[in-house]
Amino acid sequence: MRPKIYLFGDSITEESFGDGGWGASLANHFSRTVDVVLRGYSGYNTRWALKVVDRVFPEAESSGAAAPVAVTVFFGANDACLPDRYGAFQHVPLDEYKRNLHSIVASLKKRWPSTLILLITPPPIDEVQRIRYPYVENPLGLPERTNEAAGAFAKACVETAGECGISVVDLWTRMQHYPDWRNAFLRDGLHLTQEGNKVVFEEVMKKLNEGGLSLNNLAIDLPILSDIDHVDPLKAFQQ
């Protein structure tokens, strides 16, 4: 069986298999070497993710499957919703967010001690666009998220990665290095454009490569066409 990479997160992960999505790009990159498995749940925060992690990832001894080579954990954009705005039901206090991330990472490490676990911070927020594109009625006319709040959660995510001894992509900081990040990377002030997805893909690939996961050390699944004898094709499948 091919090894697996699991993508665990909210809508930014759930949408990642769309056209130009970062998950689709990972699947394309690792074609015939690794199965990229989507576990994205739109609207979820870390509180909800922690409640379902045992259903999303069965215990290793019960599943009988090999450990995945990597798992990305991409939550925080919903936790960072402001507690006095229309997204308040998704809000998670900052200290609880860190505890929840610690618990999710601990759960994954318990299942698969050798698996590369990669945290991804929430992206930056364009507040003007969030007012323009609310996902429910917004009687206050105020953004349900702010970039300042997202930055605090991003910082907490980076701190958690350091405390857990795992890798992290600081997407909040990385995207804001680009002057026109609001228009280039965000289509509605939160979710990603194709260019935004490209940034995530590139940053995730860097961390996977740093962790020793690259095409150079992965086996290709089944014989490739150039290795199949034109005279006796079936010989290639007897090895």
C-alpha atoms as a PDB file:
ATOM      1  CA  MET A   1       0.000   0.000   0.000  1.00  0.00           C
ATOM      2  CA  ARG A   2       1.143   3.544  -0.684  1.00  0.00           C
ATOM      3  CA  PRO A   3       2.030   5.677   2.322  1.00  0.00           C
ATOM      4  CA  LYS A   4      -0.400   8.466   3.202  1.00  0.00           C
ATOM      5  CA  ILE A   5      -0.382  12.158   4.024  1.00  0.00           C
ATOM      6  CA  TYR A   6      -3.474  13.336   5.920  1.00  0.00           C
ATOM      7  CA  LEU A   7      -4.684  16.925   5.649  1.00  0.00           C
ATOM      8  CA  PHE A   8      -6.699  17.787   8.799  1.00  0.00           C
ATOM      9  CA  GLY A   9      -8.267  21.222   9.067  1.00  0.00           C
ATOM     10  CA  ASP A  10     -11.176  23.567   8.432  1.00  0.00           C
ATOM     11  CA  SER A  11     -12.629  24.962   5.177  1.00  0.00           C
ATOM     12  CA  ILE A  12      -9.214  26.088   3.907  1.00  0.00           C
ATOM     13  CA  THR A  13      -8.274  22.409   4.003  1.00  0.00           C
ATOM     14  CA  GLU A  14     -11.655  21.121   2.802  1.00  0.00           C
ATOM     15  CA  GLU A  15     -11.434  23.366  -0.278  1.00  0.00           C
ATOM     16  CA  SER A  16      -7.815  22.427  -0.971  1.00  0.00           C
ATOM     17  CA  PHE A  17      -8.692  19.721  -3.502  1.00  0.00           C
ATOM     18  CA  GLY A  18     -10.373  22.272  -5.786  1.00  0.00           C
ATOM     19  CA  ASP A  19      -8.846  23.737  -8.920  1.00  0.00           C
ATOM     20  CA  GLY A  20      -5.391  25.016  -8.009  1.00  0.00           C
ATOM     21  CA  GLY A  21      -5.839  24.005  -4.364  1.00  0.00           C
ATOM     22  CA  TRP A  22      -2.824  23.269  -2.189  1.00  0.00           C
ATOM     23  CA  GLY A  23      -4.067  19.759  -1.399  1.00  0.00           C
ATOM     24  CA  ALA A  24      -4.586  18.991  -5.080  1.00  0.00           C
ATOM     25  CA  SER A  25      -1.076  20.269  -5.774  1.00  0.00           C
ATOM     26  CA  LEU A  26       0.305  17.935  -3.105  1.00  0.00           C
ATOM     27  CA  ALA A  27      -1.586  14.998  -4.611  1.00  0.00           C
ATOM     28  CA  ASN A  28      -0.235  15.868  -8.050  1.00  0.00           C
ATOM     29  CA  HIS A  29       3.317  16.278  -6.759  1.00  0.00           C
ATOM     30  CA  PHE A  30       3.288  12.918  -4.967  1.00  0.00           C
ATOM     31  CA  SER A  31       1.443  11.091  -7.742  1.00  0.00           C
ATOM     32  CA  ARG A  32       2.137   7.330  -7.613  1.00  0.00           C
ATOM     33  CA  THR A  33       4.200   7.649  -4.453  1.00  0.00           C
ATOM     34  CA  VAL A  34       1.887   8.891  -1.662  1.00  0.00           C
ATOM     35  CA  ASP A  35      -1.891   9.070  -1.245  1.00  0.00           C
ATOM     36  CA  VAL A  36      -2.938  12.515  -0.020  1.00  0.00           C
ATOM     37  CA  VAL A  37      -6.071  12.042   2.094  1.00  0.00           C
ATOM     38  CA  LEU A  38      -8.431  14.945   2.733  1.00  0.00           C
ATOM     39  CA  ARG A  39      -9.919  15.415   6.190  1.00  0.00           C
ATOM     40  CA  GLY A  40     -11.177  19.003   5.995  1.00  0.00           C
ATOM     41  CA  TYR A  41     -14.242  20.213   7.921  1.00  0.00           C
ATOM     42  CA  SER A  42     -15.637  23.600   6.993  1.00  0.00           C
ATOM     43  CA  GLY A  43     -16.289  25.923   9.929  1.00  0.00           C
ATOM     44  CA  TYR A  44     -14.565  23.727  12.519  1.00  0.00           C
ATOM     45  CA  ASN A  45     -12.429  25.107  15.304  1.00  0.00           C
ATOM     46  CA  THR A  46      -9.942  23.238  17.514  1.00  0.00           C
ATOM     47  CA  ARG A  47     -12.598  22.555  20.173  1.00  0.00           C
ATOM     48  CA  TRP A  48     -14.700  20.652  17.657  1.00  0.00           C
ATOM     49  CA  ALA A  49     -11.664  19.063  16.010  1.00  0.00           C
ATOM     50  CA  LEU A  50     -10.520  17.671  19.352  1.00  0.00           C
ATOM     51  CA  LYS A  51     -13.994  16.163  19.881  1.00  0.00           C
ATOM     52  CA  VAL A  52     -13.853  14.267  16.585  1.00  0.00           C
ATOM     53  CA  VAL A  53     -10.155  13.415  16.265  1.00  0.00           C
ATOM     54  CA  ASP A  54     -10.775   9.830  17.414  1.00  0.00           C
ATOM     55  CA  ARG A  55     -13.390   9.398  14.679  1.00  0.00           C
ATOM     56  CA  VAL A  56     -11.245  11.050  12.022  1.00  0.00           C
ATOM     57  CA  PHE A  57      -8.167   8.973  12.892  1.00  0.00           C
ATOM     58  CA  PRO A  58      -8.866   5.470  14.247  1.00  0.00           C
ATOM     59  CA  GLU A  59      -6.449   4.078  16.795  1.00  0.00           C
ATOM     60  CA  ALA A  60      -3.436   2.522  15.094  1.00  0.00           C
ATOM     61  CA  GLU A  61      -3.940  -0.934  16.611  1.00  0.00           C
ATOM     62  CA  SER A  62      -7.582  -1.068  15.483  1.00  0.00           C
ATOM     63  CA  SER A  63      -7.026   0.098  11.925  1.00  0.00           C
ATOM     64  CA  GLY A  64      -4.119  -2.219  11.169  1.00  0.00           C
ATOM     65  CA  ALA A  65      -2.850   0.258   8.586  1.00  0.00           C
ATOM     66  CA  ALA A  66       0.668   1.634   8.390  1.00  0.00           C
ATOM     67  CA  ALA A  67       1.333   5.005   9.966  1.00  0.00           C
ATOM     68  CA  PRO A  68       0.986   7.972   7.612  1.00  0.00           C
ATOM     69  CA  VAL A  69       4.220   9.678   6.654  1.00  0.00           C
ATOM     70  CA  ALA A  70       2.783  13.117   7.523  1.00  0.00           C
ATOM     71  CA  VAL A  71      -0.274  14.903   8.912  1.00  0.00           C
ATOM     72  CA  THR A  72      -0.980  18.610   8.460  1.00  0.00           C
ATOM     73  CA  VAL A  73      -3.071  20.308  11.177  1.00  0.00           C
ATOM     74  CA  PHE A  74      -4.545  23.592   9.936  1.00  0.00           C
ATOM     75  CA  PHE A  75      -6.922  25.213  12.438  1.00  0.00           C
ATOM     76  CA  GLY A  76      -7.267  28.662  13.956  1.00  0.00           C
ATOM     77  CA  ALA A  77      -9.118  30.809  11.436  1.00  0.00           C
ATOM     78  CA  ASN A  78     -12.444  29.938  13.092  1.00  0.00           C
ATOM     79  CA  ASP A  79     -11.118  29.910  16.642  1.00  0.00           C
ATOM     80  CA  ALA A  80     -10.088  33.533  15.992  1.00  0.00           C
ATOM     81  CA  CYS A  81     -13.650  34.705  15.308  1.00  0.00           C
ATOM     82  CA  LEU A  82     -14.449  37.557  17.685  1.00  0.00           C
ATOM     83  CA  PRO A  83     -16.673  36.643  20.663  1.00  0.00           C
ATOM     84  CA  ASP A  84     -18.989  39.646  20.163  1.00  0.00           C
ATOM     85  CA  ARG A  85     -19.644  39.264  16.429  1.00  0.00           C
ATOM     86  CA  TYR A  86     -21.825  36.931  14.346  1.00  0.00           C
ATOM     87  CA  GLY A  87     -19.139  34.222  14.315  1.00  0.00           C
ATOM     88  CA  ALA A  88     -19.071  34.041  18.124  1.00  0.00           C
ATOM     89  CA  PHE A  89     -20.270  30.399  18.152  1.00  0.00           C
ATOM     90  CA  GLN A  90     -16.965  29.446  16.482  1.00  0.00           C
ATOM     91  CA  HIS A  91     -14.755  31.467  18.822  1.00  0.00           C
ATOM     92  CA  VAL A  92     -12.306  29.666  21.100  1.00  0.00           C
ATOM     93  CA  PRO A  93     -10.290  31.608  23.696  1.00  0.00           C
ATOM     94  CA  LEU A  94      -6.600  31.839  22.912  1.00  0.00           C
ATOM     95  CA  ASP A  95      -5.390  29.791  25.871  1.00  0.00           C
ATOM     96  CA  GLU A  96      -7.883  27.027  25.074  1.00  0.00           C
ATOM     97  CA  TYR A  97      -6.801  27.095  21.425  1.00  0.00           C
ATOM     98  CA  LYS A  98      -3.247  26.302  22.512  1.00  0.00           C
ATOM     99  CA  ARG A  99      -4.406  23.519  24.831  1.00  0.00           C
ATOM    100  CA  ASN A 100      -6.539  22.032  22.075  1.00  0.00           C
ATOM    101  CA  LEU A 101      -3.652  22.080  19.596  1.00  0.00           C
ATOM    102  CA  HIS A 102      -1.432  20.395  22.178  1.00  0.00           C
ATOM    103  CA  SER A 103      -4.068  17.703  22.707  1.00  0.00           C
ATOM    104  CA  ILE A 104      -4.576  17.117  18.971  1.00  0.00           C
ATOM    105  CA  VAL A 105      -0.824  16.782  18.448  1.00  0.00           C
ATOM    106  CA  ALA A 106      -0.516  14.461  21.457  1.00  0.00           C
ATOM    107  CA  SER A 107      -3.319  12.286  20.097  1.00  0.00           C
ATOM    108  CA  LEU A 108      -1.592  11.994  16.724  1.00  0.00           C
ATOM    109  CA  LYS A 109       1.802  11.287  18.294  1.00  0.00           C
ATOM    110  CA  LYS A 110       0.272   8.551  20.445  1.00  0.00           C
ATOM    111  CA  ARG A 111      -1.131   6.870  17.351  1.00  0.00           C
ATOM    112  CA  TRP A 112       1.898   7.353  15.115  1.00  0.00           C
ATOM    113  CA  PRO A 113       5.099   8.297  16.976  1.00  0.00           C
ATOM    114  CA  SER A 114       7.194   8.436  13.787  1.00  0.00           C
ATOM    115  CA  THR A 115       4.761  10.502  11.691  1.00  0.00           C
ATOM    116  CA  LEU A 116       5.782  14.029  10.673  1.00  0.00           C
ATOM    117  CA  ILE A 117       3.186  16.413  12.140  1.00  0.00           C
ATOM    118  CA  LEU A 118       3.008  19.883  10.620  1.00  0.00           C
ATOM    119  CA  LEU A 119       1.008  22.758  12.105  1.00  0.00           C
ATOM    120  CA  ILE A 120      -0.184  25.577   9.836  1.00  0.00           C
ATOM    121  CA  THR A 121      -1.189  28.940  11.278  1.00  0.00           C
ATOM    122  CA  PRO A 122      -4.350  30.740  10.181  1.00  0.00           C
ATOM    123  CA  PRO A 123      -3.846  33.114   7.255  1.00  0.00           C
ATOM    124  CA  PRO A 124      -4.022  36.896   7.592  1.00  0.00           C
ATOM    125  CA  ILE A 125      -7.449  38.540   7.405  1.00  0.00           C
ATOM    126  CA  ASP A 126      -8.662  41.349   5.146  1.00  0.00           C
ATOM    127  CA  GLU A 127     -11.349  42.959   7.289  1.00  0.00           C
ATOM    128  CA  VAL A 128     -12.827  45.075   4.480  1.00  0.00           C
ATOM    129  CA  GLN A 129     -13.455  41.974   2.409  1.00  0.00           C
ATOM    130  CA  ARG A 130     -14.939  40.126   5.373  1.00  0.00           C
ATOM    131  CA  ILE A 131     -17.565  42.873   5.671  1.00  0.00           C
ATOM    132  CA  ARG A 132     -18.248  42.527   1.961  1.00  0.00           C
ATOM    133  CA  TYR A 133     -18.535  38.737   2.071  1.00  0.00           C
ATOM    134  CA  PRO A 134     -20.239  37.675   5.338  1.00  0.00           C
ATOM    135  CA  TYR A 135     -21.355  34.048   5.380  1.00  0.00           C
ATOM    136  CA  VAL A 136     -24.565  34.863   7.307  1.00  0.00           C
ATOM    137  CA  GLU A 137     -26.542  38.036   7.940  1.00  0.00           C
ATOM    138  CA  ASN A 138     -24.306  40.658   9.535  1.00  0.00           C
ATOM    139  CA  PRO A 139     -26.548  43.289  11.181  1.00  0.00           C
ATOM    140  CA  LEU A 140     -23.625  45.074  12.881  1.00  0.00           C
ATOM    141  CA  GLY A 141     -21.803  45.584   9.593  1.00  0.00           C
ATOM    142  CA  LEU A 142     -18.530  44.672  11.301  1.00  0.00           C
ATOM    143  CA  PRO A 143     -16.018  41.946  10.367  1.00  0.00           C
ATOM    144  CA  GLU A 144     -16.362  38.753  12.391  1.00  0.00           C
ATOM    145  CA  ARG A 145     -12.566  38.400  12.300  1.00  0.00           C
ATOM    146  CA  THR A 146      -9.679  40.848  12.460  1.00  0.00           C
ATOM    147  CA  ASN A 147      -6.117  40.489  11.273  1.00  0.00           C
ATOM    148  CA  GLU A 148      -4.866  41.371  14.742  1.00  0.00           C
ATOM    149  CA  ALA A 149      -6.808  38.495  16.295  1.00  0.00           C
ATOM    150  CA  ALA A 150      -5.668  36.093  13.577  1.00  0.00           C
ATOM    151  CA  GLY A 151      -2.088  37.166  14.281  1.00  0.00           C
ATOM    152  CA  ALA A 152      -2.442  36.345  17.972  1.00  0.00           C
ATOM    153  CA  PHE A 153      -3.681  32.853  17.096  1.00  0.00           C
ATOM    154  CA  ALA A 154      -0.896  32.434  14.551  1.00  0.00           C
ATOM    155  CA  LYS A 155       1.663  33.327  17.222  1.00  0.00           C
ATOM    156  CA  ALA A 156       0.079  30.808  19.589  1.00  0.00           C
ATOM    157  CA  CYS A 157       0.243  28.139  16.873  1.00  0.00           C
ATOM    158  CA  VAL A 158       3.950  28.801  16.303  1.00  0.00           C
ATOM    159  CA  GLU A 159       4.568  28.639  20.062  1.00  0.00           C
ATOM    160  CA  THR A 160       2.687  25.347  20.297  1.00  0.00           C
ATOM    161  CA  ALA A 161       4.782  23.825  17.520  1.00  0.00           C
ATOM    162  CA  GLY A 162       7.946  24.781  19.390  1.00  0.00           C
ATOM    163  CA  GLU A 163       6.629  23.355  22.645  1.00  0.00           C
ATOM    164  CA  CYS A 164       5.672  20.103  20.902  1.00  0.00           C
ATOM    165  CA  GLY A 165       8.929  19.863  18.949  1.00  0.00           C
ATOM    166  CA  ILE A 166       7.214  19.771  15.556  1.00  0.00           C
ATOM    167  CA  SER A 167       7.297  21.826  12.373  1.00  0.00           C
ATOM    168  CA  VAL A 168       5.074  24.806  11.598  1.00  0.00           C
ATOM    169  CA  VAL A 169       4.192  26.963   8.601  1.00  0.00           C
ATOM    170  CA  ASP A 170       3.650  30.554   9.764  1.00  0.00           C
ATOM    171  CA  LEU A 171       1.233  31.426   6.993  1.00  0.00           C
ATOM    172  CA  TRP A 172       0.050  34.634   8.688  1.00  0.00           C
ATOM    173  CA  THR A 173       3.550  36.110   8.598  1.00  0.00           C
ATOM    174  CA  ARG A 174       4.643  34.594   5.302  1.00  0.00           C
ATOM    175  CA  MET A 175       1.723  35.983   3.289  1.00  0.00           C
ATOM    176  CA  GLN A 176       2.114  39.490   4.644  1.00  0.00           C
ATOM    177  CA  HIS A 177       5.639  39.690   3.262  1.00  0.00           C
ATOM    178  CA  TYR A 178       3.944  40.345  -0.087  1.00  0.00           C
ATOM    179  CA  PRO A 179       2.728  43.971  -0.447  1.00  0.00           C
ATOM    180  CA  ASP A 180      -0.560  43.116  -2.210  1.00  0.00           C
ATOM    181  CA  TRP A 181      -1.370  40.047  -0.110  1.00  0.00           C
ATOM    182  CA  ARG A 182      -5.027  41.003   0.416  1.00  0.00           C
ATOM    183  CA  ASN A 183      -5.879  40.856  -3.292  1.00  0.00           C
ATOM    184  CA  ALA A 184      -3.283  38.317  -4.334  1.00  0.00           C
ATOM    185  CA  PHE A 185      -3.893  35.609  -1.748  1.00  0.00           C
ATOM    186  CA  LEU A 186      -7.442  36.034  -0.372  1.00  0.00           C
ATOM    187  CA  ARG A 187     -10.631  35.847  -2.411  1.00  0.00           C
ATOM    188  CA  ASP A 188     -13.016  36.963   0.363  1.00  0.00           C
ATOM    189  CA  GLY A 189     -10.718  38.215   3.080  1.00  0.00           C
ATOM    190  CA  LEU A 190     -10.243  34.693   4.503  1.00  0.00           C
ATOM    191  CA  HIS A 191     -10.300  31.885   1.941  1.00  0.00           C
ATOM    192  CA  LEU A 192      -7.516  31.464  -0.558  1.00  0.00           C
ATOM    193  CA  THR A 193      -7.120  32.373  -4.206  1.00  0.00           C
ATOM    194  CA  GLN A 194      -5.090  30.093  -6.446  1.00  0.00           C
ATOM    195  CA  GLU A 195      -2.038  32.219  -5.656  1.00  0.00           C
ATOM    196  CA  GLY A 196      -2.767  31.873  -1.942  1.00  0.00           C
ATOM    197  CA  ASN A 197      -3.054  28.109  -2.337  1.00  0.00           C
ATOM    198  CA  LYS A 198       0.288  28.128  -4.140  1.00  0.00           C
ATOM    199  CA  VAL A 199       1.918  29.785  -1.124  1.00  0.00           C
ATOM    200  CA  VAL A 200       0.535  27.091   1.192  1.00  0.00           C
ATOM    201  CA  PHE A 201       1.689  24.318  -1.145  1.00  0.00           C
ATOM    202  CA  GLU A 202       5.206  25.754  -1.413  1.00  0.00           C
ATOM    203  CA  GLU A 203       5.547  26.282   2.341  1.00  0.00           C
ATOM    204  CA  VAL A 204       4.211  22.807   3.161  1.00  0.00           C
ATOM    205  CA  MET A 205       6.588  21.258   0.626  1.00  0.00           C
ATOM    206  CA  LYS A 206       9.544  23.032   2.242  1.00  0.00           C
ATOM    207  CA  LYS A 207       8.657  21.566   5.618  1.00  0.00           C
ATOM    208  CA  LEU A 208       8.064  18.080   4.213  1.00  0.00           C
ATOM    209  CA  ASN A 209      11.428  18.185   2.444  1.00  0.00           C
ATOM    210  CA  GLU A 210      13.124  19.378   5.634  1.00  0.00           C
ATOM    211  CA  GLY A 211      11.516  16.404   7.377  1.00  0.00           C
ATOM    212  CA  GLY A 212      13.008  14.002   4.847  1.00  0.00           C
ATOM    213  CA  LEU A 213       9.876  13.476   2.782  1.00  0.00           C
ATOM    214  CA  SER A 214      10.674  13.976  -0.894  1.00  0.00           C
ATOM    215  CA  LEU A 215      10.318  12.148  -4.185  1.00  0.00           C
ATOM    216  CA  ASN A 216      13.992  11.195  -3.958  1.00  0.00           C
ATOM    217  CA  ASN A 217      13.309   8.758  -1.113  1.00  0.00           C
ATOM    218  CA  LEU A 218       9.835   7.517  -2.058  1.00  0.00           C
ATOM    219  CA  ALA A 219       9.155   4.415  -4.123  1.00  0.00           C
ATOM    220  CA  ILE A 220       6.998   4.683  -7.237  1.00  0.00           C
ATOM    221  CA  ASP A 221       3.894   2.513  -7.081  1.00  0.00           C
ATOM    222  CA  LEU A 222       4.128  -0.394  -9.576  1.00  0.00           C
ATOM    223  CA  PRO A 223       6.272  -0.509 -12.726  1.00  0.00           C
ATOM    224  CA  ILE A 224       6.479   2.632 -14.824  1.00  0.00           C
ATOM    225  CA  LEU A 225       5.830   2.425 -18.542  1.00  0.00           C
ATOM    226  CA  SER A 226       9.489   2.823 -19.526  1.00  0.00           C
ATOM    227  CA  ASP A 227      10.395  -0.279 -17.467  1.00  0.00           C
ATOM    228  CA  ILE A 228       7.861  -2.543 -19.181  1.00  0.00           C
ATOM    229  CA  ASP A 229       9.294  -4.856 -21.822  1.00  0.00           C
ATOM    230  CA  HIS A 230       7.472  -4.319 -25.120  1.00  0.00           C
ATOM    231  CA  VAL A 231       8.051  -7.956 -26.101  1.00  0.00           C
ATOM    232  CA  ASP A 232       7.037  -9.512 -22.778  1.00  0.00           C
ATOM    233  CA  PRO A 233       5.031  -6.865 -20.853  1.00  0.00           C
ATOM    234  CA  LEU A 234       3.840  -9.161 -18.070  1.00  0.00           C
ATOM    235  CA  LYS A 235       7.407  -9.896 -16.953  1.00  0.00           C
ATOM    236  CA  ALA A 236       7.490  -6.505 -15.222  1.00  0.00           C
ATOM    237  CA  PHE A 237       4.651  -7.576 -12.917  1.00  0.00           C
ATOM    238  CA  GLN A 238       6.295 -10.807 -11.758  1.00  0.00           C
ATOM    239  CA  GLN A 239       8.905  -9.057  -9.627  1.00  0.00           C
END
